[in-house]
Each structure stands twice: as C-alpha cells, then as structure tokens.
Amino acid sequence: MADVNITPRISCDNCGLTVDKHLEQLGTNKSFKKPRDWGSLKIEGSRSADSYGGKDRLDFTDLCPKCATAALEAAASVLKTTRGEE
C-alpha cells in the first residue's frame, strides 16, 4: 500500500494565491501553519459602510506576502497624508 500525505493549503483572502501550509512537528505532535511571510489585516473604522460588504471593518485573516505588503504600504501612506506629512 502506498503512503498518502495530505497537506492542507492556504489561500490569500485578497488575490486568491494558494500554497501549501508548512508542517511543524514538536515531538510527536504535528500541526500545519501558514507560511511565516504571510500576513493578516484587521482594521476597525468609524464608517457605517465600506466597499467590502457594508461593515465598518476590514478583516483579512490570510494575506500572501505581496498583498500583506501592499495593505501595509497603503495604510501607512494614507495615514501619513492624513497627518499632513506629505
């Protein structure tokens, strides 16, 4: 009989990029984790509606490195502009 390995995958909440999760083994315990360079984003705002479903928050649990960097740079740029530090 052949051994079958099932590796869970993770998908970016923004662009849909899908990759394998990483296996972490501590002694006899095995667990799968998202790659270290993946990020997440949770922002709660004061608006009553936004373009992502009519909620006053953005919540992306899994973001690939490209989307995580873009989200961070976009937020930093807008906050800097709001402070008047152009």
N, C-alpha and C. Protein backbone atom coordinates (compact mmCIF):
# COMPACT_ATOMS: atom_id res chain seq x y z
N MET A 1 0.82 -1.19 0.00
CA MET A 1 0.00 0.00 0.00
C MET A 1 0.87 1.25 0.00
N ALA A 2 0.41 2.24 -0.68
CA ALA A 2 1.16 3.48 -0.77
C ALA A 2 0.81 4.41 0.39
N ASP A 3 1.80 5.19 0.82
CA ASP A 3 1.55 6.21 1.83
C ASP A 3 0.93 7.42 1.15
N VAL A 4 -0.07 7.99 1.78
CA VAL A 4 -0.72 9.18 1.23
C VAL A 4 -0.51 10.32 2.21
N ASN A 5 0.08 11.39 1.72
CA ASN A 5 0.27 12.59 2.53
C ASN A 5 -0.72 13.64 2.08
N ILE A 6 -1.48 14.14 3.03
CA ILE A 6 -2.44 15.20 2.74
C ILE A 6 -1.93 16.48 3.39
N THR A 7 -1.58 17.45 2.56
CA THR A 7 -1.07 18.72 3.06
C THR A 7 -2.14 19.78 2.87
N PRO A 8 -2.60 20.40 3.97
CA PRO A 8 -3.59 21.47 3.82
C PRO A 8 -3.00 22.66 3.08
N ARG A 9 -3.85 23.40 2.42
CA ARG A 9 -3.42 24.56 1.67
C ARG A 9 -4.03 25.81 2.28
N ILE A 10 -3.40 26.95 1.98
CA ILE A 10 -3.87 28.25 2.45
C ILE A 10 -4.07 29.13 1.22
N SER A 11 -5.10 29.96 1.26
CA SER A 11 -5.43 30.81 0.13
C SER A 11 -5.49 32.27 0.60
N CYS A 12 -4.91 33.17 -0.19
CA CYS A 12 -4.93 34.60 0.14
C CYS A 12 -6.36 35.13 0.05
N ASP A 13 -6.78 35.86 1.06
CA ASP A 13 -8.13 36.41 1.11
C ASP A 13 -8.34 37.53 0.09
N ASN A 14 -7.26 38.07 -0.46
CA ASN A 14 -7.39 39.17 -1.41
C ASN A 14 -7.23 38.70 -2.86
N CYS A 15 -6.11 38.07 -3.19
CA CYS A 15 -5.85 37.72 -4.59
C CYS A 15 -6.12 36.25 -4.91
N GLY A 16 -6.27 35.41 -3.90
CA GLY A 16 -6.59 34.00 -4.14
C GLY A 16 -5.39 33.09 -4.33
N LEU A 17 -4.16 33.60 -4.22
CA LEU A 17 -2.97 32.75 -4.33
C LEU A 17 -3.08 31.61 -3.32
N THR A 18 -2.81 30.38 -3.75
CA THR A 18 -2.92 29.22 -2.89
C THR A 18 -1.58 28.49 -2.81
N VAL A 19 -1.13 28.20 -1.59
CA VAL A 19 0.12 27.47 -1.37
C VAL A 19 -0.10 26.44 -0.26
N ASP A 20 0.84 25.51 -0.12
CA ASP A 20 0.78 24.52 0.94
C ASP A 20 1.13 25.15 2.28
N LYS A 21 0.45 24.70 3.33
CA LYS A 21 0.83 25.11 4.68
C LYS A 21 2.11 24.38 5.07
N HIS A 22 2.83 24.89 6.05
CA HIS A 22 4.08 24.30 6.49
C HIS A 22 3.83 23.36 7.66
N LEU A 23 4.50 22.21 7.63
CA LEU A 23 4.38 21.23 8.70
C LEU A 23 5.32 21.61 9.84
N GLU A 24 4.78 21.69 11.05
CA GLU A 24 5.59 21.91 12.24
C GLU A 24 5.42 20.70 13.13
N GLN A 25 6.55 20.11 13.52
CA GLN A 25 6.48 18.92 14.34
C GLN A 25 7.23 19.16 15.64
N LEU A 26 6.51 19.07 16.74
CA LEU A 26 7.09 19.19 18.06
C LEU A 26 6.94 17.84 18.75
N GLY A 27 8.02 17.08 18.80
CA GLY A 27 7.93 15.73 19.35
C GLY A 27 7.06 14.87 18.47
N THR A 28 5.99 14.34 19.04
CA THR A 28 5.08 13.51 18.26
C THR A 28 3.88 14.30 17.73
N ASN A 29 3.78 15.57 18.12
CA ASN A 29 2.67 16.40 17.67
C ASN A 29 3.00 17.05 16.33
N LYS A 30 2.10 16.90 15.38
CA LYS A 30 2.25 17.53 14.07
C LYS A 30 1.15 18.57 13.90
N SER A 31 1.50 19.71 13.37
CA SER A 31 0.50 20.72 13.05
C SER A 31 0.93 21.47 11.80
N PHE A 32 -0.04 22.00 11.10
CA PHE A 32 0.24 22.77 9.89
C PHE A 32 -0.03 24.24 10.17
N LYS A 33 0.89 25.09 9.76
CA LYS A 33 0.78 26.53 9.99
C LYS A 33 0.94 27.26 8.66
N LYS A 34 0.39 28.48 8.62
CA LYS A 34 0.58 29.27 7.41
C LYS A 34 2.05 29.69 7.33
N PRO A 35 2.57 29.91 6.12
CA PRO A 35 3.97 30.31 5.97
C PRO A 35 4.28 31.59 6.77
N ARG A 36 5.49 31.69 7.26
CA ARG A 36 5.89 32.82 8.11
C ARG A 36 5.76 34.19 7.44
N ASP A 37 5.98 34.23 6.12
CA ASP A 37 5.95 35.53 5.44
C ASP A 37 4.54 35.97 5.04
N TRP A 38 3.53 35.20 5.41
CA TRP A 38 2.14 35.60 5.17
C TRP A 38 1.68 36.49 6.29
N GLY A 39 0.76 37.39 6.00
CA GLY A 39 0.29 38.34 7.00
C GLY A 39 -1.22 38.29 7.17
N SER A 40 -1.70 39.20 7.99
CA SER A 40 -3.14 39.34 8.18
C SER A 40 -3.44 40.80 8.43
N LEU A 41 -4.70 41.16 8.30
CA LEU A 41 -5.10 42.55 8.45
C LEU A 41 -6.46 42.61 9.12
N LYS A 42 -6.56 43.39 10.18
CA LYS A 42 -7.85 43.64 10.81
C LYS A 42 -7.90 45.12 11.16
N ILE A 43 -8.83 45.82 10.54
CA ILE A 43 -8.97 47.26 10.77
C ILE A 43 -10.42 47.54 11.13
N GLU A 44 -10.61 48.24 12.20
CA GLU A 44 -11.95 48.68 12.59
C GLU A 44 -12.01 50.18 12.43
N GLY A 45 -13.00 50.64 11.70
CA GLY A 45 -13.12 52.05 11.42
C GLY A 45 -14.37 52.67 12.01
N SER A 46 -14.58 53.93 11.68
CA SER A 46 -15.74 54.64 12.21
C SER A 46 -16.86 54.78 11.19
N ARG A 47 -16.64 54.33 9.97
CA ARG A 47 -17.68 54.43 8.94
C ARG A 47 -18.74 53.36 9.17
N SER A 48 -19.96 53.67 8.75
CA SER A 48 -21.03 52.69 8.90
C SER A 48 -21.06 51.70 7.74
N ALA A 49 -20.39 52.01 6.64
CA ALA A 49 -20.38 51.10 5.50
C ALA A 49 -19.07 51.26 4.73
N ASP A 50 -18.62 50.20 4.12
CA ASP A 50 -17.45 50.26 3.25
C ASP A 50 -17.70 49.38 2.03
N SER A 51 -16.73 49.29 1.16
CA SER A 51 -16.93 48.55 -0.08
C SER A 51 -16.75 47.05 0.08
N TYR A 52 -16.45 46.57 1.26
CA TYR A 52 -16.24 45.14 1.48
C TYR A 52 -17.38 44.55 2.28
N GLY A 53 -18.60 44.71 1.85
CA GLY A 53 -19.72 44.03 2.47
C GLY A 53 -20.55 44.85 3.42
N GLY A 54 -20.39 46.16 3.46
CA GLY A 54 -21.24 47.00 4.29
C GLY A 54 -20.94 46.93 5.77
N LYS A 55 -19.75 46.57 6.16
CA LYS A 55 -19.38 46.52 7.57
C LYS A 55 -18.41 47.66 7.86
N ASP A 56 -18.23 47.96 9.13
CA ASP A 56 -17.31 49.05 9.48
C ASP A 56 -15.93 48.51 9.82
N ARG A 57 -15.54 47.41 9.17
CA ARG A 57 -14.21 46.86 9.41
C ARG A 57 -13.72 46.10 8.18
N LEU A 58 -12.43 45.93 8.08
CA LEU A 58 -11.79 45.07 7.08
C LEU A 58 -11.09 43.96 7.85
N ASP A 59 -11.32 42.73 7.47
CA ASP A 59 -10.74 41.61 8.19
C ASP A 59 -10.25 40.58 7.18
N PHE A 60 -8.95 40.55 6.96
CA PHE A 60 -8.32 39.58 6.08
C PHE A 60 -7.42 38.71 6.95
N THR A 61 -7.85 37.47 7.19
CA THR A 61 -7.09 36.59 8.06
C THR A 61 -5.80 36.12 7.40
N ASP A 62 -5.84 35.83 6.12
CA ASP A 62 -4.68 35.30 5.40
C ASP A 62 -4.36 36.17 4.20
N LEU A 63 -3.19 36.80 4.22
CA LEU A 63 -2.73 37.61 3.09
C LEU A 63 -1.36 37.12 2.66
N CYS A 64 -1.20 36.88 1.35
CA CYS A 64 0.10 36.47 0.83
C CYS A 64 1.09 37.63 1.03
N PRO A 65 2.39 37.37 0.92
CA PRO A 65 3.37 38.43 1.15
C PRO A 65 3.14 39.68 0.30
N LYS A 66 2.77 39.50 -0.97
CA LYS A 66 2.56 40.64 -1.86
C LYS A 66 1.37 41.49 -1.39
N CYS A 67 0.26 40.86 -1.05
CA CYS A 67 -0.93 41.60 -0.61
C CYS A 67 -0.75 42.19 0.78
N ALA A 68 -0.04 41.48 1.66
CA ALA A 68 0.22 41.99 3.01
C ALA A 68 1.08 43.26 2.94
N THR A 69 2.09 43.24 2.09
CA THR A 69 2.95 44.42 1.92
C THR A 69 2.16 45.57 1.31
N ALA A 70 1.33 45.28 0.32
CA ALA A 70 0.52 46.33 -0.32
C ALA A 70 -0.44 46.96 0.68
N ALA A 71 -1.08 46.14 1.52
CA ALA A 71 -2.02 46.66 2.52
C ALA A 71 -1.31 47.54 3.53
N LEU A 72 -0.15 47.11 3.98
CA LEU A 72 0.63 47.89 4.95
C LEU A 72 1.08 49.22 4.35
N GLU A 73 1.60 49.18 3.12
CA GLU A 73 2.06 50.41 2.47
C GLU A 73 0.90 51.37 2.19
N ALA A 74 -0.24 50.84 1.79
CA ALA A 74 -1.40 51.70 1.52
C ALA A 74 -1.89 52.37 2.79
N ALA A 75 -2.00 51.61 3.87
CA ALA A 75 -2.45 52.18 5.13
C ALA A 75 -1.46 53.23 5.64
N ALA A 76 -0.17 52.93 5.57
CA ALA A 76 0.85 53.87 6.03
C ALA A 76 0.82 55.16 5.22
N SER A 77 0.64 55.04 3.91
CA SER A 77 0.61 56.22 3.04
C SER A 77 -0.58 57.12 3.36
N VAL A 78 -1.75 56.53 3.51
CA VAL A 78 -2.95 57.33 3.78
C VAL A 78 -2.86 57.96 5.17
N LEU A 79 -2.38 57.24 6.14
CA LEU A 79 -2.25 57.82 7.49
C LEU A 79 -1.23 58.95 7.51
N LYS A 80 -0.15 58.80 6.75
CA LYS A 80 0.85 59.87 6.66
C LYS A 80 0.25 61.12 6.01
N THR A 81 -0.53 60.92 4.96
CA THR A 81 -1.19 62.04 4.29
C THR A 81 -2.19 62.72 5.23
N THR A 82 -2.92 61.93 6.00
CA THR A 82 -3.89 62.48 6.96
C THR A 82 -3.22 63.33 8.02
N ARG A 83 -2.02 62.93 8.42
CA ARG A 83 -1.25 63.72 9.41
C ARG A 83 -0.66 64.98 8.79
N GLY A 84 -0.64 65.05 7.46
CA GLY A 84 -0.08 66.22 6.78
C GLY A 84 1.41 66.12 6.55
N GLU A 85 1.96 64.92 6.52
CA GLU A 85 3.40 64.71 6.32
C GLU A 85 3.68 64.29 4.88
N GLU A 86 3.27 65.03 3.93
CA GLU A 86 3.49 64.63 2.55
C GLU A 86 4.88 64.78 2.18
